[in-house]
Amino acid sequence: MYMNINEKTEKGFSRYMTSLSGNQKISKTHGRIAFRGLVDSLEAYVIEAQVLASERGEDGLCSNFGEVLNFLRDLMAAEVKEAPLKPLFLFGMNADEIHWRSHHTGVFILPDYRQGAIAARINTLRTKVREAELLAVKVMGEERTDGPPRDDIILALNRLSSALWWLFCSLKRP
């Protein structure tokens, strides 16, 4: 349900509404608002990963997480503004290279606590990105009712989870 912010509402009604874009208000339970919340949570998880990497002197990983954070911020801006998302480029790879490398890591490692806190954090990030991708398919896929499908966002999230899988495998920890 959409409404103009300038419209008068019943007392208390606005507690259940939030801004979608411009002066458009929407229910806080709308899928796009839930998606934004999930991306916001992902950003928080990435910042926690940066702190962990920084505290452990893993400057390269801290920088990798910074790239992921910047990408998520760009994704959020593109979704809010309903603008095209810039092509994905992480860890020196474009989306096609990420896809290929994630399928050719040279090693397949099941996540395990003995791999350490950073590996566990990367795996958590990867699973949270998958959750965001699934919600994006539901909310912004071909059945989207409030605009054209956002295949750019859906594909970018798929490749982001692949990039995190590649990063996880590249740690080569026991």
Protein backbone atom coordinates (compact mmCIF):
# COMPACT_ATOMS: atom_id res chain seq x y z
CA MET A 1 0.00 0.00 0.00
CA TYR A 2 1.45 3.35 -1.07
CA MET A 3 0.50 6.82 0.03
CA ASN A 4 1.79 10.33 -0.34
CA ILE A 5 3.67 11.57 2.74
CA ASN A 6 1.79 14.82 2.53
CA GLU A 7 -1.57 13.07 2.92
CA LYS A 8 -3.16 13.28 6.35
CA THR A 9 -3.24 9.94 8.12
CA GLU A 10 -5.13 8.58 11.07
CA LYS A 11 -3.41 9.10 14.38
CA GLY A 12 -0.75 6.41 14.86
CA PHE A 13 -1.01 5.08 11.32
CA SER A 14 2.41 6.47 10.35
CA ARG A 15 4.07 4.25 12.99
CA TYR A 16 3.59 1.39 10.56
CA MET A 17 4.80 3.25 7.50
CA THR A 18 8.21 4.33 6.25
CA SER A 19 9.61 6.17 3.26
CA LEU A 20 10.23 4.10 0.14
CA SER A 21 11.55 6.94 -2.01
CA GLY A 22 10.77 10.59 -2.37
CA ASN A 23 7.43 11.31 -0.75
CA GLN A 24 6.15 7.75 -1.13
CA LYS A 25 5.28 5.96 2.10
CA ILE A 26 4.95 2.20 2.36
CA SER A 27 4.25 -0.40 5.03
CA LYS A 28 7.32 -1.32 7.07
CA THR A 29 6.54 -4.95 6.27
CA HIS A 30 6.96 -4.44 2.51
CA GLY A 31 9.59 -6.72 0.98
CA ARG A 32 11.80 -3.90 -0.26
CA ILE A 33 12.01 -2.47 3.25
CA ALA A 34 12.89 -5.93 4.59
CA PHE A 35 15.54 -6.22 1.86
CA ARG A 36 17.05 -2.87 2.83
CA GLY A 37 17.17 -4.01 6.44
CA LEU A 38 18.98 -7.18 5.42
CA VAL A 39 21.55 -5.21 3.41
CA ASP A 40 21.98 -2.88 6.38
CA SER A 41 22.66 -5.93 8.58
CA LEU A 42 25.16 -7.22 6.03
CA GLU A 43 27.02 -3.93 6.23
CA ALA A 44 27.21 -4.31 10.01
CA TYR A 45 28.54 -7.88 9.68
CA VAL A 46 31.18 -6.67 7.22
CA ILE A 47 32.29 -3.91 9.59
CA GLU A 48 32.60 -6.50 12.37
CA ALA A 49 34.71 -8.62 10.01
CA GLN A 50 36.92 -5.60 9.31
CA VAL A 51 37.42 -5.03 13.03
CA LEU A 52 38.35 -8.68 13.52
CA ALA A 53 40.78 -8.66 10.59
CA SER A 54 42.31 -5.38 11.73
CA GLU A 55 42.78 -6.60 15.30
CA ARG A 56 44.57 -9.67 13.96
CA GLY A 57 46.83 -7.67 11.66
CA GLU A 58 45.18 -9.08 8.52
CA ASP A 59 45.39 -5.86 6.53
CA GLY A 60 44.72 -7.54 3.18
CA LEU A 61 41.50 -9.10 4.47
CA CYS A 62 40.51 -5.81 6.10
CA SER A 63 40.87 -4.19 2.68
CA ASN A 64 38.87 -7.02 1.04
CA PHE A 65 36.07 -6.45 3.54
CA GLY A 66 36.24 -2.73 2.76
CA GLU A 67 35.60 -3.53 -0.90
CA VAL A 68 32.59 -5.64 0.09
CA LEU A 69 31.28 -2.83 2.30
CA ASN A 70 31.61 -0.27 -0.50
CA PHE A 71 29.83 -2.61 -2.89
CA LEU A 72 26.94 -3.12 -0.43
CA ARG A 73 26.63 0.64 -0.01
CA ASP A 74 26.51 1.07 -3.79
CA LEU A 75 23.89 -1.70 -3.99
CA MET A 76 21.75 0.00 -1.34
CA ALA A 77 21.98 3.35 -3.12
CA ALA A 78 21.02 1.76 -6.44
CA GLU A 79 18.02 0.05 -4.87
CA VAL A 80 16.78 3.16 -3.04
CA LYS A 81 17.25 5.44 -6.06
CA GLU A 82 15.99 2.74 -8.45
CA ALA A 83 19.17 3.35 -10.45
CA PRO A 84 21.32 0.80 -12.29
CA LEU A 85 23.93 -0.91 -10.12
CA LYS A 86 27.55 -0.39 -11.12
CA PRO A 87 29.20 -3.57 -12.43
CA LEU A 88 30.60 -5.73 -9.66
CA PHE A 89 34.37 -5.63 -9.24
CA LEU A 90 35.86 -7.22 -6.11
CA PHE A 91 39.32 -8.45 -5.18
CA GLY A 92 40.62 -7.52 -8.64
CA MET A 93 37.93 -9.56 -10.42
CA ASN A 94 34.82 -8.71 -12.42
CA ALA A 95 31.61 -10.73 -12.07
CA ASP A 96 32.54 -13.30 -14.71
CA GLU A 97 35.98 -13.88 -13.18
CA ILE A 98 34.44 -14.21 -9.72
CA HIS A 99 32.00 -16.80 -11.04
CA TRP A 100 34.76 -18.81 -12.71
CA ARG A 101 37.16 -18.64 -9.77
CA SER A 102 34.50 -19.61 -7.25
CA HIS A 103 33.98 -22.83 -9.21
CA HIS A 104 37.72 -23.45 -9.66
CA THR A 105 39.21 -22.73 -6.24
CA GLY A 106 41.54 -25.71 -6.42
CA VAL A 107 40.32 -26.75 -3.00
CA PHE A 108 36.98 -27.59 -1.45
CA ILE A 109 36.88 -27.01 2.26
CA LEU A 110 33.87 -27.50 4.46
CA PRO A 111 33.62 -24.74 7.07
CA ASP A 112 34.95 -25.81 10.46
CA TYR A 113 35.59 -24.03 13.75
CA ARG A 114 39.29 -24.95 13.56
CA GLN A 115 39.67 -22.61 10.59
CA GLY A 116 39.41 -19.69 12.97
CA ALA A 117 37.29 -16.65 13.59
CA ILE A 118 37.98 -14.87 10.31
CA ALA A 119 37.09 -17.92 8.20
CA ALA A 120 33.94 -18.37 10.27
CA ARG A 121 33.04 -14.71 9.75
CA ILE A 122 33.54 -14.96 5.98
CA ASN A 123 31.31 -18.03 5.92
CA THR A 124 28.65 -16.19 7.94
CA LEU A 125 28.82 -13.27 5.50
CA ARG A 126 28.46 -15.65 2.57
CA THR A 127 25.32 -17.23 4.05
CA LYS A 128 23.81 -13.84 4.88
CA VAL A 129 24.42 -12.71 1.30
CA ARG A 130 22.58 -15.83 0.12
CA GLU A 131 19.64 -14.85 2.34
CA ALA A 132 19.66 -11.37 0.79
CA GLU A 133 19.78 -12.90 -2.69
CA LEU A 134 16.76 -15.10 -1.97
CA LEU A 135 14.79 -12.15 -0.64
CA ALA A 136 15.81 -10.06 -3.66
CA VAL A 137 14.51 -12.79 -5.99
CA LYS A 138 11.21 -12.81 -4.11
CA VAL A 139 10.82 -9.03 -3.90
CA MET A 140 12.60 -7.78 -7.02
CA GLY A 141 12.43 -10.75 -9.37
CA GLU A 142 10.20 -11.31 -12.35
CA GLU A 143 7.04 -11.14 -10.24
CA ARG A 144 7.86 -7.65 -8.92
CA THR A 145 4.73 -5.49 -8.91
CA ASP A 146 6.17 -2.05 -8.11
CA GLY A 147 8.62 -1.71 -10.99
CA PRO A 148 10.81 -3.64 -13.39
CA PRO A 149 12.76 -6.65 -12.11
CA ARG A 150 16.17 -5.87 -10.59
CA ASP A 151 18.19 -8.61 -12.21
CA ASP A 152 21.31 -6.48 -11.72
CA ILE A 153 20.92 -6.62 -7.94
CA ILE A 154 20.00 -10.30 -7.90
CA LEU A 155 22.98 -11.31 -10.05
CA ALA A 156 25.35 -9.06 -8.09
CA LEU A 157 24.33 -10.72 -4.82
CA ASN A 158 24.89 -14.14 -6.37
CA ARG A 159 28.37 -13.09 -7.45
CA LEU A 160 29.06 -11.51 -4.05
CA SER A 161 28.38 -14.83 -2.33
CA SER A 162 30.68 -16.47 -4.90
CA ALA A 163 33.38 -13.89 -4.15
CA LEU A 164 33.07 -14.63 -0.44
CA TRP A 165 33.28 -18.38 -1.12
CA TRP A 166 36.46 -17.76 -3.14
CA LEU A 167 37.85 -15.61 -0.33
CA PHE A 168 37.01 -18.33 2.21
CA CYS A 169 38.74 -21.00 0.13
CA SER A 170 41.76 -18.77 -0.47
CA LEU A 171 42.51 -18.72 3.26
CA LYS A 172 43.59 -22.39 3.01
CA ARG A 173 43.43 -22.84 6.74
CA PRO A 174 43.13 -26.30 8.38
